[in-house]
Amino acid sequence: MVVQEQHVLLDETAMRRALTRIAHEILEKNKGVDGCTLVGIRTRGIYLAGRIAQRIQEIEGVPVPVAEIDVTQYRDDRRNEGDASNALPEKLSVENSKIILCDDVLFTGRTVRAAMDALMDMGRPQLIQLAVLIDRGHRELPIRPDYVGKNVPTSKLEEIVVRLAEVDGSDQVVLFNRGGGEA
């Protein structure tokens, strides 16, 4: 029998603070948001991008475009049949844009690489930055986030679950330990 412990890493208040801090850091690093577009990686990344955009608008008084991208067809570890163009948002113009990819958890880096591949198929952005709510380590690719809500060193036996009100009914980040020590 596998013992599964859980520990709440971020509650609703801590998550709100982390996203507000990320919004401020985006504004600082980019000297505002001219030419910036927040692109959320489906599923939870799109909601985080929307929340960050909302905070930026509250802080600066200017709207930030938000788009969604589905990277399933671009994943190298999840081969699916079908047309990869389904991943690309029709209204997103990446040419010479500052793209800020948003995702919930950064783990191996494969999802982010897939998102960058999808974006590059659409054109040549001026730059791509990465904002993640949780960075848990264990990268398999040389990818590093520009903005992080919380760094959480984990073992490979642990799992991080991000719950968002839009999808799950509440805001919370939970660490599950499946027991058995380090991998």
N, C-alpha and C. Protein backbone atom coordinates (compact mmCIF):
# COMPACT_ATOMS: atom_id res chain seq x y z
N MET A 1 0.84 -1.19 0.00
CA MET A 1 0.00 0.00 0.00
C MET A 1 0.88 1.24 0.00
N VAL A 2 0.64 2.16 -0.93
CA VAL A 2 1.42 3.38 -1.05
C VAL A 2 0.79 4.46 -0.17
N VAL A 3 1.61 5.00 0.72
CA VAL A 3 1.15 6.09 1.57
C VAL A 3 1.27 7.39 0.79
N GLN A 4 0.19 8.17 0.78
CA GLN A 4 0.22 9.41 0.02
C GLN A 4 -0.08 10.57 0.96
N GLU A 5 0.96 11.33 1.28
CA GLU A 5 0.81 12.51 2.12
C GLU A 5 0.63 13.72 1.22
N GLN A 6 -0.04 14.73 1.75
CA GLN A 6 -0.16 15.96 0.99
C GLN A 6 0.15 17.15 1.88
N HIS A 7 0.71 18.17 1.23
CA HIS A 7 1.09 19.39 1.93
C HIS A 7 0.69 20.58 1.05
N VAL A 8 -0.06 21.52 1.60
CA VAL A 8 -0.47 22.70 0.84
C VAL A 8 0.72 23.65 0.75
N LEU A 9 1.17 23.94 -0.46
CA LEU A 9 2.30 24.84 -0.69
C LEU A 9 1.84 26.29 -0.80
N LEU A 10 0.74 26.50 -1.52
CA LEU A 10 0.17 27.84 -1.68
C LEU A 10 -1.34 27.75 -1.48
N ASP A 11 -1.86 28.63 -0.66
CA ASP A 11 -3.30 28.75 -0.55
C ASP A 11 -3.74 29.90 -1.48
N GLU A 12 -5.00 30.26 -1.43
CA GLU A 12 -5.52 31.29 -2.32
C GLU A 12 -4.79 32.62 -2.17
N THR A 13 -4.53 33.02 -0.95
CA THR A 13 -3.85 34.29 -0.69
C THR A 13 -2.41 34.26 -1.19
N ALA A 14 -1.70 33.20 -0.91
CA ALA A 14 -0.30 33.08 -1.35
C ALA A 14 -0.21 33.03 -2.87
N MET A 15 -1.17 32.37 -3.51
CA MET A 15 -1.18 32.31 -4.97
C MET A 15 -1.42 33.70 -5.56
N ARG A 16 -2.36 34.43 -4.98
CA ARG A 16 -2.63 35.80 -5.45
C ARG A 16 -1.39 36.67 -5.32
N ARG A 17 -0.70 36.57 -4.20
CA ARG A 17 0.53 37.35 -3.99
C ARG A 17 1.61 36.97 -4.99
N ALA A 18 1.77 35.68 -5.25
CA ALA A 18 2.78 35.23 -6.21
C ALA A 18 2.49 35.78 -7.60
N LEU A 19 1.24 35.74 -8.02
CA LEU A 19 0.88 36.24 -9.35
C LEU A 19 1.02 37.76 -9.43
N THR A 20 0.73 38.46 -8.34
CA THR A 20 0.93 39.91 -8.31
C THR A 20 2.41 40.25 -8.42
N ARG A 21 3.25 39.48 -7.73
CA ARG A 21 4.70 39.70 -7.81
C ARG A 21 5.20 39.45 -9.24
N ILE A 22 4.72 38.38 -9.87
CA ILE A 22 5.10 38.09 -11.26
C ILE A 22 4.69 39.25 -12.16
N ALA A 23 3.49 39.79 -11.96
CA ALA A 23 3.02 40.92 -12.78
C ALA A 23 3.96 42.11 -12.63
N HIS A 24 4.36 42.42 -11.40
CA HIS A 24 5.30 43.53 -11.17
C HIS A 24 6.65 43.27 -11.84
N GLU A 25 7.13 42.03 -11.75
CA GLU A 25 8.42 41.68 -12.35
C GLU A 25 8.35 41.79 -13.88
N ILE A 26 7.25 41.39 -14.47
CA ILE A 26 7.07 41.51 -15.93
C ILE A 26 7.13 42.99 -16.32
N LEU A 27 6.44 43.82 -15.58
CA LEU A 27 6.44 45.27 -15.86
C LEU A 27 7.85 45.85 -15.74
N GLU A 28 8.56 45.46 -14.70
CA GLU A 28 9.92 45.97 -14.50
C GLU A 28 10.86 45.53 -15.61
N LYS A 29 10.89 44.24 -15.87
CA LYS A 29 11.84 43.70 -16.84
C LYS A 29 11.59 44.22 -18.25
N ASN A 30 10.31 44.45 -18.61
CA ASN A 30 9.97 44.88 -19.95
C ASN A 30 9.72 46.38 -20.05
N LYS A 31 9.93 47.10 -18.94
CA LYS A 31 9.71 48.55 -18.90
C LYS A 31 8.30 48.88 -19.40
N GLY A 32 7.32 48.19 -18.82
CA GLY A 32 5.94 48.32 -19.25
C GLY A 32 5.52 47.07 -20.00
N VAL A 33 4.45 47.19 -20.77
CA VAL A 33 3.97 46.02 -21.51
C VAL A 33 3.73 46.29 -22.99
N ASP A 34 4.33 47.36 -23.51
CA ASP A 34 4.22 47.63 -24.95
C ASP A 34 4.76 46.45 -25.74
N GLY A 35 3.95 45.94 -26.65
CA GLY A 35 4.38 44.84 -27.51
C GLY A 35 4.36 43.48 -26.85
N CYS A 36 3.89 43.40 -25.60
CA CYS A 36 3.85 42.13 -24.88
C CYS A 36 2.52 41.42 -25.09
N THR A 37 2.58 40.11 -25.17
CA THR A 37 1.39 39.26 -25.19
C THR A 37 1.63 38.12 -24.23
N LEU A 38 0.68 37.88 -23.36
CA LEU A 38 0.74 36.73 -22.45
C LEU A 38 0.10 35.55 -23.16
N VAL A 39 0.83 34.44 -23.24
CA VAL A 39 0.33 33.25 -23.91
C VAL A 39 0.29 32.12 -22.89
N GLY A 40 -0.92 31.70 -22.54
CA GLY A 40 -1.10 30.63 -21.57
C GLY A 40 -1.09 29.28 -22.23
N ILE A 41 -0.33 28.37 -21.65
CA ILE A 41 -0.27 27.00 -22.14
C ILE A 41 -1.45 26.24 -21.54
N ARG A 42 -2.25 25.66 -22.43
CA ARG A 42 -3.44 24.93 -22.01
C ARG A 42 -3.07 23.80 -21.07
N THR A 43 -3.68 23.59 -19.99
CA THR A 43 -4.98 24.08 -19.59
C THR A 43 -4.85 25.21 -18.58
N ARG A 44 -4.14 25.00 -17.52
CA ARG A 44 -4.13 25.98 -16.43
C ARG A 44 -3.32 27.23 -16.73
N GLY A 45 -2.39 27.15 -17.65
CA GLY A 45 -1.58 28.32 -18.00
C GLY A 45 -2.41 29.47 -18.54
N ILE A 46 -3.49 29.16 -19.25
CA ILE A 46 -4.32 30.23 -19.81
C ILE A 46 -5.00 31.02 -18.69
N TYR A 47 -5.42 30.34 -17.64
CA TYR A 47 -6.06 31.04 -16.52
C TYR A 47 -5.05 31.88 -15.75
N LEU A 48 -3.85 31.36 -15.60
CA LEU A 48 -2.80 32.13 -14.93
C LEU A 48 -2.42 33.35 -15.76
N ALA A 49 -2.34 33.20 -17.08
CA ALA A 49 -2.04 34.34 -17.96
C ALA A 49 -3.12 35.41 -17.81
N GLY A 50 -4.37 34.99 -17.76
CA GLY A 50 -5.47 35.93 -17.59
C GLY A 50 -5.40 36.67 -16.27
N ARG A 51 -5.04 35.97 -15.22
CA ARG A 51 -4.92 36.61 -13.91
C ARG A 51 -3.76 37.60 -13.87
N ILE A 52 -2.64 37.22 -14.48
CA ILE A 52 -1.50 38.13 -14.53
C ILE A 52 -1.85 39.37 -15.34
N ALA A 53 -2.52 39.18 -16.47
CA ALA A 53 -2.95 40.31 -17.29
C ALA A 53 -3.87 41.23 -16.51
N GLN A 54 -4.76 40.67 -15.74
CA GLN A 54 -5.68 41.46 -14.92
C GLN A 54 -4.91 42.29 -13.89
N ARG A 55 -3.90 41.69 -13.26
CA ARG A 55 -3.10 42.43 -12.28
C ARG A 55 -2.28 43.53 -12.95
N ILE A 56 -1.75 43.26 -14.13
CA ILE A 56 -1.00 44.29 -14.85
C ILE A 56 -1.92 45.45 -15.19
N GLN A 57 -3.14 45.15 -15.61
CA GLN A 57 -4.08 46.23 -15.92
C GLN A 57 -4.42 47.03 -14.66
N GLU A 58 -4.57 46.37 -13.52
CA GLU A 58 -4.83 47.07 -12.27
C GLU A 58 -3.66 47.98 -11.88
N ILE A 59 -2.44 47.53 -12.12
CA ILE A 59 -1.24 48.27 -11.75
C ILE A 59 -0.96 49.42 -12.71
N GLU A 60 -0.99 49.12 -14.02
CA GLU A 60 -0.58 50.07 -15.05
C GLU A 60 -1.74 50.78 -15.74
N GLY A 61 -2.91 50.19 -15.67
CA GLY A 61 -4.06 50.79 -16.34
C GLY A 61 -4.11 50.54 -17.83
N VAL A 62 -3.32 49.56 -18.29
CA VAL A 62 -3.33 49.22 -19.72
C VAL A 62 -3.62 47.72 -19.88
N PRO A 63 -4.43 47.38 -20.87
CA PRO A 63 -4.71 45.96 -21.09
C PRO A 63 -3.53 45.27 -21.76
N VAL A 64 -3.39 43.98 -21.50
CA VAL A 64 -2.36 43.16 -22.12
C VAL A 64 -3.08 42.04 -22.87
N PRO A 65 -2.75 41.86 -24.14
CA PRO A 65 -3.38 40.76 -24.88
C PRO A 65 -3.04 39.41 -24.26
N VAL A 66 -4.02 38.52 -24.25
CA VAL A 66 -3.83 37.17 -23.71
C VAL A 66 -4.28 36.19 -24.79
N ALA A 67 -3.47 35.17 -25.01
CA ALA A 67 -3.80 34.12 -25.97
C ALA A 67 -3.56 32.76 -25.32
N GLU A 68 -4.10 31.76 -25.95
CA GLU A 68 -3.98 30.39 -25.44
C GLU A 68 -3.30 29.54 -26.50
N ILE A 69 -2.48 28.59 -26.03
CA ILE A 69 -1.83 27.68 -26.97
C ILE A 69 -1.94 26.26 -26.43
N ASP A 70 -2.26 25.33 -27.33
CA ASP A 70 -2.33 23.91 -27.00
C ASP A 70 -1.12 23.25 -27.65
N VAL A 71 -0.24 22.70 -26.85
CA VAL A 71 1.03 22.17 -27.37
C VAL A 71 1.04 20.66 -27.53
N THR A 72 -0.10 20.02 -27.37
CA THR A 72 -0.17 18.56 -27.40
C THR A 72 0.50 17.99 -28.65
N GLN A 73 0.23 18.57 -29.81
CA GLN A 73 0.78 18.04 -31.07
C GLN A 73 2.28 18.30 -31.21
N TYR A 74 2.83 19.17 -30.38
CA TYR A 74 4.25 19.50 -30.46
C TYR A 74 5.09 18.74 -29.44
N ARG A 75 4.46 17.99 -28.56
CA ARG A 75 5.20 17.27 -27.52
C ARG A 75 6.01 16.14 -28.13
N ASP A 76 7.27 15.99 -27.71
CA ASP A 76 8.10 14.91 -28.23
C ASP A 76 7.93 13.63 -27.41
N ASP A 77 7.27 13.74 -26.26
CA ASP A 77 7.08 12.57 -25.41
C ASP A 77 5.64 12.08 -25.41
N ARG A 78 4.79 12.71 -26.22
CA ARG A 78 3.39 12.30 -26.33
C ARG A 78 2.97 12.41 -27.78
N ARG A 79 3.35 11.45 -28.57
CA ARG A 79 3.05 11.47 -30.00
C ARG A 79 1.56 11.25 -30.24
N ASN A 80 0.96 12.15 -30.97
CA ASN A 80 -0.45 12.02 -31.35
C ASN A 80 -0.56 12.25 -32.85
N GLU A 81 -1.53 11.59 -33.44
CA GLU A 81 -1.81 11.83 -34.85
C GLU A 81 -2.62 13.11 -34.96
N GLY A 82 -2.56 13.76 -36.08
CA GLY A 82 -3.39 14.94 -36.28
C GLY A 82 -2.59 16.13 -36.75
N ASP A 83 -3.29 17.20 -36.95
CA ASP A 83 -2.72 18.42 -37.50
C ASP A 83 -2.21 19.32 -36.39
N ALA A 84 -0.94 19.62 -36.40
CA ALA A 84 -0.34 20.47 -35.38
C ALA A 84 -0.86 21.90 -35.44
N SER A 85 -1.43 22.31 -36.56
CA SER A 85 -1.92 23.69 -36.66
C SER A 85 -3.08 23.95 -35.71
N ASN A 86 -3.71 22.89 -35.17
CA ASN A 86 -4.77 23.07 -34.18
C ASN A 86 -4.25 23.75 -32.92
N ALA A 87 -2.96 23.68 -32.67
CA ALA A 87 -2.38 24.26 -31.47
C ALA A 87 -2.28 25.77 -31.55
N LEU A 88 -2.27 26.30 -32.76
CA LEU A 88 -1.95 27.70 -32.94
C LEU A 88 -3.18 28.59 -32.89
N PRO A 89 -3.18 29.59 -32.00
CA PRO A 89 -4.31 30.51 -31.94
C PRO A 89 -4.35 31.36 -33.20
N GLU A 90 -5.54 31.50 -33.77
CA GLU A 90 -5.68 32.22 -35.04
C GLU A 90 -5.37 33.71 -34.92
N LYS A 91 -5.69 34.32 -33.79
CA LYS A 91 -5.55 35.77 -33.63
C LYS A 91 -4.19 36.21 -33.13
N LEU A 92 -3.32 35.28 -32.79
CA LEU A 92 -2.03 35.62 -32.20
C LEU A 92 -1.02 35.97 -33.28
N SER A 93 -0.48 37.17 -33.18
CA SER A 93 0.60 37.59 -34.06
C SER A 93 1.88 37.61 -33.24
N VAL A 94 2.81 36.73 -33.57
CA VAL A 94 4.05 36.67 -32.80
C VAL A 94 5.18 37.47 -33.42
N GLU A 95 5.05 37.83 -34.67
CA GLU A 95 6.12 38.52 -35.38
C GLU A 95 6.54 39.78 -34.63
N ASN A 96 7.81 39.82 -34.21
CA ASN A 96 8.41 40.94 -33.47
C ASN A 96 7.69 41.28 -32.17
N SER A 97 6.96 40.34 -31.60
CA SER A 97 6.27 40.54 -30.33
C SER A 97 7.11 40.03 -29.17
N LYS A 98 6.83 40.56 -28.00
CA LYS A 98 7.39 40.03 -26.76
C LYS A 98 6.36 39.04 -26.23
N ILE A 99 6.69 37.76 -26.29
CA ILE A 99 5.78 36.71 -25.86
C ILE A 99 6.18 36.26 -24.46
N ILE A 100 5.21 36.25 -23.57
CA ILE A 100 5.45 35.75 -22.22
C ILE A 100 4.59 34.51 -22.05
N LEU A 101 5.25 33.35 -22.12
CA LEU A 101 4.57 32.08 -21.93
C LEU A 101 4.23 31.91 -20.46
N CYS A 102 3.03 31.43 -20.17
CA CYS A 102 2.59 31.22 -18.79
C CYS A 102 2.18 29.76 -18.62
N ASP A 103 2.66 29.14 -17.55
CA ASP A 103 2.27 27.77 -17.24
C ASP A 103 2.19 27.60 -15.73
N ASP A 104 1.57 26.51 -15.31
CA ASP A 104 1.39 26.31 -13.87
C ASP A 104 2.64 25.72 -13.22
N VAL A 105 3.15 24.60 -13.74
CA VAL A 105 4.30 23.92 -13.13
C VAL A 105 5.38 23.69 -14.18
N LEU A 106 6.60 24.08 -13.87
CA LEU A 106 7.75 23.76 -14.73
C LEU A 106 8.45 22.56 -14.12
N PHE A 107 8.56 21.50 -14.91
CA PHE A 107 9.17 20.26 -14.44
C PHE A 107 10.31 19.89 -15.39
N THR A 108 10.07 19.08 -16.40
CA THR A 108 11.14 18.64 -17.29
C THR A 108 11.53 19.68 -18.33
N GLY A 109 10.61 20.57 -18.66
CA GLY A 109 10.85 21.58 -19.68
C GLY A 109 10.28 21.21 -21.04
N ARG A 110 9.75 20.01 -21.17
CA ARG A 110 9.25 19.55 -22.47
C ARG A 110 8.02 20.32 -22.94
N THR A 111 7.14 20.68 -22.04
CA THR A 111 5.95 21.45 -22.43
C THR A 111 6.36 22.82 -22.94
N VAL A 112 7.30 23.45 -22.27
CA VAL A 112 7.77 24.78 -22.68
C VAL A 112 8.46 24.70 -24.04
N ARG A 113 9.28 23.68 -24.24
CA ARG A 113 9.93 23.51 -25.55
C ARG A 113 8.89 23.34 -26.64
N ALA A 114 7.86 22.56 -26.36
CA ALA A 114 6.79 22.36 -27.34
C ALA A 114 6.08 23.69 -27.64
N ALA A 115 5.85 24.49 -26.61
CA ALA A 115 5.20 25.79 -26.81
C ALA A 115 6.08 26.71 -27.66
N MET A 116 7.38 26.69 -27.41
CA MET A 116 8.28 27.52 -28.22
C MET A 116 8.30 27.06 -29.67
N ASP A 117 8.28 25.75 -29.90
CA ASP A 117 8.21 25.23 -31.26
C ASP A 117 6.94 25.71 -31.96
N ALA A 118 5.81 25.65 -31.25
CA ALA A 118 4.54 26.10 -31.82
C ALA A 118 4.59 27.59 -32.16
N LEU A 119 5.13 28.38 -31.25
CA LEU A 119 5.25 29.83 -31.50
C LEU A 119 6.15 30.12 -32.70
N MET A 120 7.26 29.41 -32.80
CA MET A 120 8.19 29.65 -33.91
C MET A 120 7.57 29.26 -35.25
N ASP A 121 6.64 28.32 -35.24
CA ASP A 121 5.92 27.97 -36.47
C ASP A 121 5.02 29.12 -36.93
N MET A 122 4.70 30.03 -36.02
CA MET A 122 3.81 31.15 -36.32
C MET A 122 4.57 32.39 -36.78
N GLY A 123 5.87 32.42 -36.55
CA GLY A 123 6.66 33.59 -36.91
C GLY A 123 7.87 33.73 -36.02
N ARG A 124 8.47 34.91 -36.05
CA ARG A 124 9.67 35.14 -35.26
C ARG A 124 9.41 36.22 -34.22
N PRO A 125 9.19 35.79 -32.97
CA PRO A 125 8.97 36.79 -31.91
C PRO A 125 10.26 37.56 -31.61
N GLN A 126 10.09 38.76 -31.09
CA GLN A 126 11.25 39.54 -30.66
C GLN A 126 11.95 38.82 -29.52
N LEU A 127 11.15 38.28 -28.58
CA LEU A 127 11.69 37.50 -27.48
C LEU A 127 10.59 36.64 -26.89
N ILE A 128 11.01 35.59 -26.20
CA ILE A 128 10.08 34.74 -25.47
C ILE A 128 10.58 34.67 -24.03
N GLN A 129 9.68 34.98 -23.10
CA GLN A 129 9.98 34.85 -21.68
C GLN A 129 9.04 33.80 -21.10
N LEU A 130 9.39 33.29 -19.93
CA LEU A 130 8.61 32.24 -19.30
C LEU A 130 8.23 32.62 -17.89
N ALA A 131 6.93 32.55 -17.60
CA ALA A 131 6.41 32.77 -16.25
C ALA A 131 5.73 31.49 -15.78
N VAL A 132 6.13 30.99 -14.61
CA VAL A 132 5.52 29.79 -14.05
C VAL A 132 5.13 30.04 -12.60
N LEU A 133 4.04 29.43 -12.20
CA LEU A 133 3.63 29.55 -10.81
C LEU A 133 4.57 28.75 -9.91
N ILE A 134 4.93 27.53 -10.33
CA ILE A 134 5.79 26.64 -9.55
C ILE A 134 6.92 26.11 -10.42
N ASP A 135 8.15 26.20 -9.90
CA ASP A 135 9.31 25.56 -10.54
C ASP A 135 9.75 24.45 -9.61
N ARG A 136 9.60 23.21 -10.05
CA ARG A 136 9.92 22.08 -9.18
C ARG A 136 11.24 21.39 -9.51
N GLY A 137 11.97 21.90 -10.51
CA GLY A 137 13.26 21.30 -10.84
C GLY A 137 13.12 20.08 -11.74
N HIS A 138 14.19 19.29 -11.83
CA HIS A 138 14.25 18.05 -12.62
C HIS A 138 14.20 18.30 -14.11
N ARG A 139 14.83 19.36 -14.58
CA ARG A 139 14.82 19.70 -15.99
C ARG A 139 15.53 18.64 -16.82
N GLU A 140 14.94 18.32 -17.96
CA GLU A 140 15.55 17.43 -18.95
C GLU A 140 16.08 18.24 -20.13
N LEU A 141 15.69 19.51 -20.20
CA LEU A 141 16.11 20.40 -21.27
C LEU A 141 16.62 21.70 -20.63
N PRO A 142 17.51 22.43 -21.32
CA PRO A 142 18.07 23.65 -20.73
C PRO A 142 17.10 24.83 -20.80
N ILE A 143 16.06 24.76 -19.98
CA ILE A 143 15.03 25.79 -19.95
C ILE A 143 14.95 26.35 -18.54
N ARG A 144 14.93 27.69 -18.46
CA ARG A 144 14.89 28.37 -17.17
C ARG A 144 13.82 29.45 -17.20
N PRO A 145 12.98 29.52 -16.17
CA PRO A 145 11.93 30.54 -16.17
C PRO A 145 12.48 31.93 -15.86
N ASP A 146 11.83 32.94 -16.42
CA ASP A 146 12.17 34.33 -16.12
C ASP A 146 11.44 34.82 -14.88
N TYR A 147 10.25 34.26 -14.65
CA TYR A 147 9.42 34.68 -13.53
C TYR A 147 8.88 33.42 -12.84
N VAL A 148 9.05 33.36 -11.52
CA VAL A 148 8.64 32.18 -10.76
C VAL A 148 7.84 32.61 -9.54
N GLY A 149 6.68 32.00 -9.36
CA GLY A 149 5.89 32.25 -8.17
C GLY A 149 6.51 31.63 -6.95
N LYS A 150 6.95 30.37 -7.07
CA LYS A 150 7.58 29.67 -5.95
C LYS A 150 8.46 28.55 -6.50
N ASN A 151 9.68 28.47 -5.98
CA ASN A 151 10.58 27.35 -6.26
C ASN A 151 10.32 26.27 -5.22
N VAL A 152 10.10 25.05 -5.68
CA VAL A 152 9.82 23.95 -4.77
C VAL A 152 10.69 22.75 -5.17
N PRO A 153 11.83 22.56 -4.51
CA PRO A 153 12.63 21.38 -4.80
C PRO A 153 11.83 20.12 -4.45
N THR A 154 11.77 19.19 -5.38
CA THR A 154 10.98 17.97 -5.18
C THR A 154 11.80 16.74 -5.51
N SER A 155 11.30 15.60 -5.06
CA SER A 155 11.84 14.34 -5.55
C SER A 155 10.96 13.91 -6.71
N LYS A 156 11.42 12.95 -7.47
CA LYS A 156 10.61 12.48 -8.59
C LYS A 156 9.41 11.66 -8.13
N LEU A 157 9.39 11.27 -6.86
CA LEU A 157 8.24 10.55 -6.31
C LEU A 157 7.13 11.50 -5.88
N GLU A 158 7.43 12.79 -5.85
CA GLU A 158 6.44 13.77 -5.45
C GLU A 158 5.72 14.32 -6.68
N GLU A 159 4.53 14.80 -6.45
CA GLU A 159 3.73 15.40 -7.52
C GLU A 159 3.18 16.71 -7.01
N ILE A 160 3.17 17.71 -7.88
CA ILE A 160 2.58 19.00 -7.54
C ILE A 160 1.31 19.16 -8.36
N VAL A 161 0.23 19.50 -7.67
CA VAL A 161 -1.05 19.71 -8.32
C VAL A 161 -1.48 21.15 -8.08
N VAL A 162 -1.73 21.87 -9.17
CA VAL A 162 -2.24 23.24 -9.09
C VAL A 162 -3.73 23.18 -9.32
N ARG A 163 -4.47 23.71 -8.36
CA ARG A 163 -5.92 23.79 -8.48
C ARG A 163 -6.30 25.25 -8.65
N LEU A 164 -7.11 25.51 -9.67
CA LEU A 164 -7.56 26.87 -9.94
C LEU A 164 -9.07 26.92 -9.89
N ALA A 165 -9.58 28.03 -9.37
CA ALA A 165 -11.03 28.19 -9.22
C ALA A 165 -11.77 27.99 -10.54
N GLU A 166 -11.19 28.46 -11.64
CA GLU A 166 -11.83 28.36 -12.95
C GLU A 166 -12.05 26.91 -13.39
N VAL A 167 -11.18 26.01 -12.96
CA VAL A 167 -11.24 24.61 -13.38
C VAL A 167 -11.68 23.70 -12.24
N ASP A 168 -11.13 23.95 -11.05
CA ASP A 168 -11.28 23.03 -9.93
C ASP A 168 -12.18 23.53 -8.80
N GLY A 169 -12.60 24.77 -8.88
CA GLY A 169 -13.48 25.31 -7.85
C GLY A 169 -12.78 26.00 -6.69
N SER A 170 -11.46 25.88 -6.60
CA SER A 170 -10.70 26.55 -5.54
C SER A 170 -9.27 26.78 -6.00
N ASP A 171 -8.60 27.71 -5.32
CA ASP A 171 -7.19 28.02 -5.63
C ASP A 171 -6.30 27.39 -4.57
N GLN A 172 -5.37 26.55 -5.04
CA GLN A 172 -4.48 25.87 -4.11
C GLN A 172 -3.38 25.15 -4.88
N VAL A 173 -2.18 25.11 -4.31
CA VAL A 173 -1.10 24.30 -4.86
C VAL A 173 -0.74 23.28 -3.80
N VAL A 174 -0.80 22.01 -4.18
CA VAL A 174 -0.61 20.92 -3.22
C VAL A 174 0.55 20.02 -3.68
N LEU A 175 1.39 19.65 -2.73
CA LEU A 175 2.47 18.68 -2.96
C LEU A 175 2.02 17.35 -2.42
N PHE A 176 2.03 16.34 -3.27
CA PHE A 176 1.69 14.97 -2.86
C PHE A 176 2.97 14.16 -2.78
N ASN A 177 3.17 13.46 -1.67
CA ASN A 177 4.32 12.59 -1.51
C ASN A 177 3.80 11.16 -1.55
N ARG A 178 4.28 10.41 -2.52
CA ARG A 178 3.80 9.04 -2.69
C ARG A 178 4.54 8.04 -1.80
N GLY A 179 5.47 8.55 -0.96
CA GLY A 179 6.19 7.68 -0.04
C GLY A 179 7.31 6.93 -0.73
N GLY A 180 8.16 6.32 0.06
CA GLY A 180 9.23 5.48 -0.49
C GLY A 180 10.56 6.16 -0.64
N GLY A 181 10.73 7.39 -0.25
CA GLY A 181 12.03 8.04 -0.30
C GLY A 181 12.33 8.68 -1.63
N GLU A 182 13.59 9.02 -1.84
CA GLU A 182 14.05 9.71 -3.06
C GLU A 182 14.13 8.76 -4.24
N ALA A 183 13.89 9.31 -5.42
CA ALA A 183 14.02 8.53 -6.65
C ALA A 183 15.41 8.69 -7.21
